[in-house]
Amino acid sequence: MRPLQQKIIETLRVKPVINPEEEIRKTVNFLKAYLVKHPFLNGYVLGIAADKIQRLLGNSHKWQSMN
């Protein structure tokens, strides 16, 4: 690991390696626990920004052809 990477990790207190499965499980567990703690809530609204979809698709012309 390069010195700048190490400095960023230490400064921001982030993990040097991220396990996607673990992060997804932690997020799902957090969301479930939040709903249990706040029983007046019925669920969540999922919002995805168009620029994120474009990056997933690769090219903006693909996104435009879908609309």
PDB file of N, CA and C in Angstrom:
ATOM      1  N   MET A   1       0.858  -1.177   0.000  1.00  0.00           N
ATOM      2  CA  MET A   1       0.000   0.000   0.000  1.00  0.00           C
ATOM      3  C   MET A   1       0.903   1.239   0.000  1.00  0.00           C
ATOM      4  N   ARG A   2       0.517   2.203  -0.794  1.00  0.00           N
ATOM      5  CA  ARG A   2       1.303   3.433  -0.886  1.00  0.00           C
ATOM      6  C   ARG A   2       1.070   4.311   0.345  1.00  0.00           C
ATOM      7  N   PRO A   3       2.046   5.138   0.676  1.00  0.00           N
ATOM      8  CA  PRO A   3       1.937   5.981   1.881  1.00  0.00           C
ATOM      9  C   PRO A   3       0.694   6.882   1.880  1.00  0.00           C
ATOM     10  N   LEU A   4       0.345   7.430   0.727  1.00  0.00           N
ATOM     11  CA  LEU A   4      -0.838   8.305   0.663  1.00  0.00           C
ATOM     12  C   LEU A   4      -2.102   7.514   0.948  1.00  0.00           C
ATOM     13  N   GLN A   5      -2.178   6.298   0.412  1.00  0.00           N
ATOM     14  CA  GLN A   5      -3.338   5.452   0.692  1.00  0.00           C
ATOM     15  C   GLN A   5      -3.456   5.186   2.188  1.00  0.00           C
ATOM     16  N   GLN A   6      -2.335   4.856   2.813  1.00  0.00           N
ATOM     17  CA  GLN A   6      -2.333   4.572   4.245  1.00  0.00           C
ATOM     18  C   GLN A   6      -2.755   5.799   5.039  1.00  0.00           C
ATOM     19  N   LYS A   7      -2.282   6.962   4.630  1.00  0.00           N
ATOM     20  CA  LYS A   7      -2.641   8.201   5.334  1.00  0.00           C
ATOM     21  C   LYS A   7      -4.143   8.474   5.211  1.00  0.00           C
ATOM     22  N   ILE A   8      -4.698   8.265   4.020  1.00  0.00           N
ATOM     23  CA  ILE A   8      -6.137   8.476   3.815  1.00  0.00           C
ATOM     24  C   ILE A   8      -6.942   7.510   4.680  1.00  0.00           C
ATOM     25  N   ILE A   9      -6.547   6.250   4.699  1.00  0.00           N
ATOM     26  CA  ILE A   9      -7.235   5.238   5.503  1.00  0.00           C
ATOM     27  C   ILE A   9      -7.214   5.622   6.984  1.00  0.00           C
ATOM     28  N   GLU A  10      -6.072   6.046   7.466  1.00  0.00           N
ATOM     29  CA  GLU A  10      -5.958   6.433   8.876  1.00  0.00           C
ATOM     30  C   GLU A  10      -6.741   7.705   9.182  1.00  0.00           C
ATOM     31  N   THR A  11      -6.663   8.681   8.298  1.00  0.00           N
ATOM     32  CA  THR A  11      -7.341   9.957   8.532  1.00  0.00           C
ATOM     33  C   THR A  11      -8.857   9.810   8.519  1.00  0.00           C
ATOM     34  N   LEU A  12      -9.366   9.072   7.546  1.00  0.00           N
ATOM     35  CA  LEU A  12     -10.810   8.916   7.400  1.00  0.00           C
ATOM     36  C   LEU A  12     -11.363   7.742   8.202  1.00  0.00           C
ATOM     37  N   ARG A  13     -10.465   6.974   8.791  1.00  0.00           N
ATOM     38  CA  ARG A  13     -10.854   5.793   9.583  1.00  0.00           C
ATOM     39  C   ARG A  13     -11.741   4.844   8.779  1.00  0.00           C
ATOM     40  N   VAL A  14     -11.279   4.521   7.591  1.00  0.00           N
ATOM     41  CA  VAL A  14     -11.997   3.596   6.727  1.00  0.00           C
ATOM     42  C   VAL A  14     -11.246   2.276   6.646  1.00  0.00           C
ATOM     43  N   LYS A  15     -11.927   1.254   6.152  1.00  0.00           N
ATOM     44  CA  LYS A  15     -11.312  -0.061   6.010  1.00  0.00           C
ATOM     45  C   LYS A  15     -10.385  -0.068   4.804  1.00  0.00           C
ATOM     46  N   PRO A  16      -9.244  -0.724   4.921  1.00  0.00           N
ATOM     47  CA  PRO A  16      -8.349  -0.806   3.760  1.00  0.00           C
ATOM     48  C   PRO A  16      -8.879  -1.755   2.681  1.00  0.00           C
ATOM     49  N   VAL A  17      -9.697  -2.711   3.084  1.00  0.00           N
ATOM     50  CA  VAL A  17     -10.301  -3.659   2.148  1.00  0.00           C
ATOM     51  C   VAL A  17     -11.780  -3.772   2.489  1.00  0.00           C
ATOM     52  N   ILE A  18     -12.619  -3.765   1.468  1.00  0.00           N
ATOM     53  CA  ILE A  18     -14.066  -3.830   1.682  1.00  0.00           C
ATOM     54  C   ILE A  18     -14.592  -5.158   1.149  1.00  0.00           C
ATOM     55  N   ASN A  19     -15.350  -5.844   1.969  1.00  0.00           N
ATOM     56  CA  ASN A  19     -16.007  -7.095   1.584  1.00  0.00           C
ATOM     57  C   ASN A  19     -17.455  -6.750   1.238  1.00  0.00           C
ATOM     58  N   PRO A  20     -17.821  -6.773  -0.052  1.00  0.00           N
ATOM     59  CA  PRO A  20     -19.172  -6.362  -0.459  1.00  0.00           C
ATOM     60  C   PRO A  20     -20.284  -7.142   0.232  1.00  0.00           C
ATOM     61  N   GLU A  21     -20.136  -8.461   0.352  1.00  0.00           N
ATOM     62  CA  GLU A  21     -21.168  -9.270   0.994  1.00  0.00           C
ATOM     63  C   GLU A  21     -21.386  -8.838   2.445  1.00  0.00           C
ATOM     64  N   GLU A  22     -20.290  -8.604   3.141  1.00  0.00           N
ATOM     65  CA  GLU A  22     -20.371  -8.165   4.539  1.00  0.00           C
ATOM     66  C   GLU A  22     -21.056  -6.804   4.651  1.00  0.00           C
ATOM     67  N   GLU A  23     -20.705  -5.882   3.767  1.00  0.00           N
ATOM     68  CA  GLU A  23     -21.287  -4.543   3.803  1.00  0.00           C
ATOM     69  C   GLU A  23     -22.779  -4.580   3.488  1.00  0.00           C
ATOM     70  N   ILE A  24     -23.163  -5.403   2.525  1.00  0.00           N
ATOM     71  CA  ILE A  24     -24.590  -5.536   2.196  1.00  0.00           C
ATOM     72  C   ILE A  24     -25.347  -6.097   3.385  1.00  0.00           C
ATOM     73  N   ARG A  25     -24.808  -7.136   4.012  1.00  0.00           N
ATOM     74  CA  ARG A  25     -25.467  -7.749   5.165  1.00  0.00           C
ATOM     75  C   ARG A  25     -25.605  -6.743   6.302  1.00  0.00           C
ATOM     76  N   LYS A  26     -24.545  -5.957   6.578  1.00  0.00           N
ATOM     77  CA  LYS A  26     -24.601  -4.944   7.637  1.00  0.00           C
ATOM     78  C   LYS A  26     -25.662  -3.896   7.340  1.00  0.00           C
ATOM     79  N   THR A  27     -25.769  -3.479   6.077  1.00  0.00           N
ATOM     80  CA  THR A  27     -26.751  -2.475   5.689  1.00  0.00           C
ATOM     81  C   THR A  27     -28.168  -3.017   5.838  1.00  0.00           C
ATOM     82  N   VAL A  28     -28.394  -4.233   5.365  1.00  0.00           N
ATOM     83  CA  VAL A  28     -29.727  -4.847   5.483  1.00  0.00           C
ATOM     84  C   VAL A  28     -30.109  -4.994   6.950  1.00  0.00           C
ATOM     85  N   ASN A  29     -29.182  -5.460   7.769  1.00  0.00           N
ATOM     86  CA  ASN A  29     -29.468  -5.616   9.199  1.00  0.00           C
ATOM     87  C   ASN A  29     -29.792  -4.276   9.854  1.00  0.00           C
ATOM     88  N   PHE A  30     -29.065  -3.234   9.470  1.00  0.00           N
ATOM     89  CA  PHE A  30     -29.332  -1.903  10.011  1.00  0.00           C
ATOM     90  C   PHE A  30     -30.741  -1.435   9.628  1.00  0.00           C
ATOM     91  N   LEU A  31     -31.094  -1.596   8.348  1.00  0.00           N
ATOM     92  CA  LEU A  31     -32.408  -1.159   7.888  1.00  0.00           C
ATOM     93  C   LEU A  31     -33.530  -1.938   8.572  1.00  0.00           C
ATOM     94  N   LYS A  32     -33.341  -3.230   8.744  1.00  0.00           N
ATOM     95  CA  LYS A  32     -34.347  -4.042   9.433  1.00  0.00           C
ATOM     96  C   LYS A  32     -34.496  -3.600  10.884  1.00  0.00           C
ATOM     97  N   ALA A  33     -33.375  -3.395  11.571  1.00  0.00           N
ATOM     98  CA  ALA A  33     -33.408  -2.984  12.971  1.00  0.00           C
ATOM     99  C   ALA A  33     -34.066  -1.616  13.125  1.00  0.00           C
ATOM    100  N   TYR A  34     -33.831  -0.721  12.178  1.00  0.00           N
ATOM    101  CA  TYR A  34     -34.428   0.612  12.232  1.00  0.00           C
ATOM    102  C   TYR A  34     -35.948   0.529  12.149  1.00  0.00           C
ATOM    103  N   LEU A  35     -36.453  -0.332  11.249  1.00  0.00           N
ATOM    104  CA  LEU A  35     -37.904  -0.487  11.140  1.00  0.00           C
ATOM    105  C   LEU A  35     -38.496  -1.106  12.397  1.00  0.00           C
ATOM    106  N   VAL A  36     -37.799  -2.037  13.007  1.00  0.00           N
ATOM    107  CA  VAL A  36     -38.282  -2.652  14.249  1.00  0.00           C
ATOM    108  C   VAL A  36     -38.315  -1.610  15.366  1.00  0.00           C
ATOM    109  N   LYS A  37     -37.292  -0.771  15.411  1.00  0.00           N
ATOM    110  CA  LYS A  37     -37.205   0.259  16.454  1.00  0.00           C
ATOM    111  C   LYS A  37     -38.257   1.346  16.276  1.00  0.00           C
ATOM    112  N   HIS A  38     -38.696   1.574  15.046  1.00  0.00           N
ATOM    113  CA  HIS A  38     -39.674   2.622  14.742  1.00  0.00           C
ATOM    114  C   HIS A  38     -40.900   1.981  14.082  1.00  0.00           C
ATOM    115  N   PRO A  39     -41.765   1.361  14.861  1.00  0.00           N
ATOM    116  CA  PRO A  39     -42.880   0.586  14.300  1.00  0.00           C
ATOM    117  C   PRO A  39     -43.907   1.406  13.521  1.00  0.00           C
ATOM    118  N   PHE A  40     -43.882   2.715  13.656  1.00  0.00           N
ATOM    119  CA  PHE A  40     -44.816   3.557  12.908  1.00  0.00           C
ATOM    120  C   PHE A  40     -44.405   3.686  11.443  1.00  0.00           C
ATOM    121  N   LEU A  41     -43.197   3.230  11.109  1.00  0.00           N
ATOM    122  CA  LEU A  41     -42.738   3.246   9.718  1.00  0.00           C
ATOM    123  C   LEU A  41     -43.159   1.949   9.038  1.00  0.00           C
ATOM    124  N   ASN A  42     -43.519   2.045   7.764  1.00  0.00           N
ATOM    125  CA  ASN A  42     -43.988   0.878   7.025  1.00  0.00           C
ATOM    126  C   ASN A  42     -42.966   0.315   6.047  1.00  0.00           C
ATOM    127  N   GLY A  43     -41.935   1.068   5.751  1.00  0.00           N
ATOM    128  CA  GLY A  43     -40.946   0.585   4.791  1.00  0.00           C
ATOM    129  C   GLY A  43     -40.049   1.716   4.340  1.00  0.00           C
ATOM    130  N   TYR A  44     -39.335   1.474   3.266  1.00  0.00           N
ATOM    131  CA  TYR A  44     -38.387   2.442   2.727  1.00  0.00           C
ATOM    132  C   TYR A  44     -38.746   2.780   1.279  1.00  0.00           C
ATOM    133  N   VAL A  45     -38.281   3.919   0.832  1.00  0.00           N
ATOM    134  CA  VAL A  45     -38.411   4.312  -0.573  1.00  0.00           C
ATOM    135  C   VAL A  45     -37.011   4.247  -1.171  1.00  0.00           C
ATOM    136  N   LEU A  46     -36.881   3.537  -2.276  1.00  0.00           N
ATOM    137  CA  LEU A  46     -35.599   3.391  -2.934  1.00  0.00           C
ATOM    138  C   LEU A  46     -35.494   4.420  -4.051  1.00  0.00           C
ATOM    139  N   GLY A  47     -34.434   5.197  -4.017  1.00  0.00           N
ATOM    140  CA  GLY A  47     -34.207   6.176  -5.070  1.00  0.00           C
ATOM    141  C   GLY A  47     -32.858   5.935  -5.718  1.00  0.00           C
ATOM    142  N   ILE A  48     -32.840   5.914  -7.039  1.00  0.00           N
ATOM    143  CA  ILE A  48     -31.595   5.719  -7.776  1.00  0.00           C
ATOM    144  C   ILE A  48     -31.447   6.887  -8.734  1.00  0.00           C
ATOM    145  N   ALA A  49     -30.322   7.569  -8.637  1.00  0.00           N
ATOM    146  CA  ALA A  49     -30.075   8.714  -9.502  1.00  0.00           C
ATOM    147  C   ALA A  49     -29.772   8.243 -10.920  1.00  0.00           C
ATOM    148  N   ALA A  50     -30.213   9.019 -11.892  1.00  0.00           N
ATOM    149  CA  ALA A  50     -30.033   8.655 -13.304  1.00  0.00           C
ATOM    150  C   ALA A  50     -28.562   8.501 -13.672  1.00  0.00           C
ATOM    151  N   ASP A  51     -27.693   9.321 -13.091  1.00  0.00           N
ATOM    152  CA  ASP A  51     -26.277   9.206 -13.435  1.00  0.00           C
ATOM    153  C   ASP A  51     -25.710   7.871 -12.978  1.00  0.00           C
ATOM    154  N   LYS A  52     -26.221   7.317 -11.900  1.00  0.00           N
ATOM    155  CA  LYS A  52     -25.779   5.993 -11.439  1.00  0.00           C
ATOM    156  C   LYS A  52     -26.218   4.929 -12.436  1.00  0.00           C
ATOM    157  N   ILE A  53     -27.430   5.054 -12.941  1.00  0.00           N
ATOM    158  CA  ILE A  53     -27.931   4.090 -13.923  1.00  0.00           C
ATOM    159  C   ILE A  53     -27.097   4.171 -15.191  1.00  0.00           C
ATOM    160  N   GLN A  54     -26.758   5.375 -15.601  1.00  0.00           N
ATOM    161  CA  GLN A  54     -25.951   5.529 -16.805  1.00  0.00           C
ATOM    162  C   GLN A  54     -24.600   4.851 -16.644  1.00  0.00           C
ATOM    163  N   ARG A  55     -23.982   4.993 -15.476  1.00  0.00           N
ATOM    164  CA  ARG A  55     -22.702   4.337 -15.250  1.00  0.00           C
ATOM    165  C   ARG A  55     -22.853   2.822 -15.277  1.00  0.00           C
ATOM    166  N   LEU A  56     -23.964   2.330 -14.725  1.00  0.00           N
ATOM    167  CA  LEU A  56     -24.194   0.893 -14.749  1.00  0.00           C
ATOM    168  C   LEU A  56     -24.374   0.386 -16.174  1.00  0.00           C
ATOM    169  N   LEU A  57     -25.042   1.174 -16.996  1.00  0.00           N
ATOM    170  CA  LEU A  57     -25.288   0.759 -18.376  1.00  0.00           C
ATOM    171  C   LEU A  57     -24.065   0.959 -19.259  1.00  0.00           C
ATOM    172  N   GLY A  58     -23.212   1.872 -18.878  1.00  0.00           N
ATOM    173  CA  GLY A  58     -21.993   2.081 -19.651  1.00  0.00           C
ATOM    174  C   GLY A  58     -22.026   3.288 -20.555  1.00  0.00           C
ATOM    175  N   ASN A  59     -23.065   3.437 -21.345  1.00  0.00           N
ATOM    176  CA  ASN A  59     -23.142   4.547 -22.307  1.00  0.00           C
ATOM    177  C   ASN A  59     -24.463   5.279 -22.158  1.00  0.00           C
ATOM    178  N   SER A  60     -24.397   6.597 -22.277  1.00  0.00           N
ATOM    179  CA  SER A  60     -25.612   7.375 -22.127  1.00  0.00           C
ATOM    180  C   SER A  60     -26.613   7.099 -23.241  1.00  0.00           C
ATOM    181  N   HIS A  61     -26.157   6.715 -24.437  1.00  0.00           N
ATOM    182  CA  HIS A  61     -27.123   6.444 -25.509  1.00  0.00           C
ATOM    183  C   HIS A  61     -27.954   5.214 -25.192  1.00  0.00           C
ATOM    184  N   LYS A  62     -27.401   4.260 -24.434  1.00  0.00           N
ATOM    185  CA  LYS A  62     -28.203   3.112 -24.009  1.00  0.00           C
ATOM    186  C   LYS A  62     -29.315   3.563 -23.076  1.00  0.00           C
ATOM    187  N   TRP A  63     -28.979   4.488 -22.145  1.00  0.00           N
ATOM    188  CA  TRP A  63     -29.959   5.005 -21.198  1.00  0.00           C
ATOM    189  C   TRP A  63     -31.070   5.721 -21.955  1.00  0.00           C
ATOM    190  N   GLN A  64     -30.710   6.552 -22.927  1.00  0.00           N
ATOM    191  CA  GLN A  64     -31.702   7.307 -23.677  1.00  0.00           C
ATOM    192  C   GLN A  64     -32.619   6.376 -24.469  1.00  0.00           C
ATOM    193  N   SER A  65     -32.085   5.289 -24.958  1.00  0.00           N
ATOM    194  CA  SER A  65     -32.922   4.382 -25.753  1.00  0.00           C
ATOM    195  C   SER A  65     -33.919   3.636 -24.861  1.00  0.00           C
ATOM    196  N   MET A  66     -33.669   3.570 -23.573  1.00  0.00           N
ATOM    197  CA  MET A  66     -34.568   2.896 -22.670  1.00  0.00           C
ATOM    198  C   MET A  66     -35.753   3.769 -22.294  1.00  0.00           C
ATOM    199  N   ASN A  67     -35.601   5.090 -22.397  1.00  0.00           N
ATOM    200  CA  ASN A  67     -36.673   6.018 -22.009  1.00  0.00           C
ATOM    201  C   ASN A  67     -37.643   6.268 -23.129  1.00  0.00           C
TER     202      ASN A  67
END
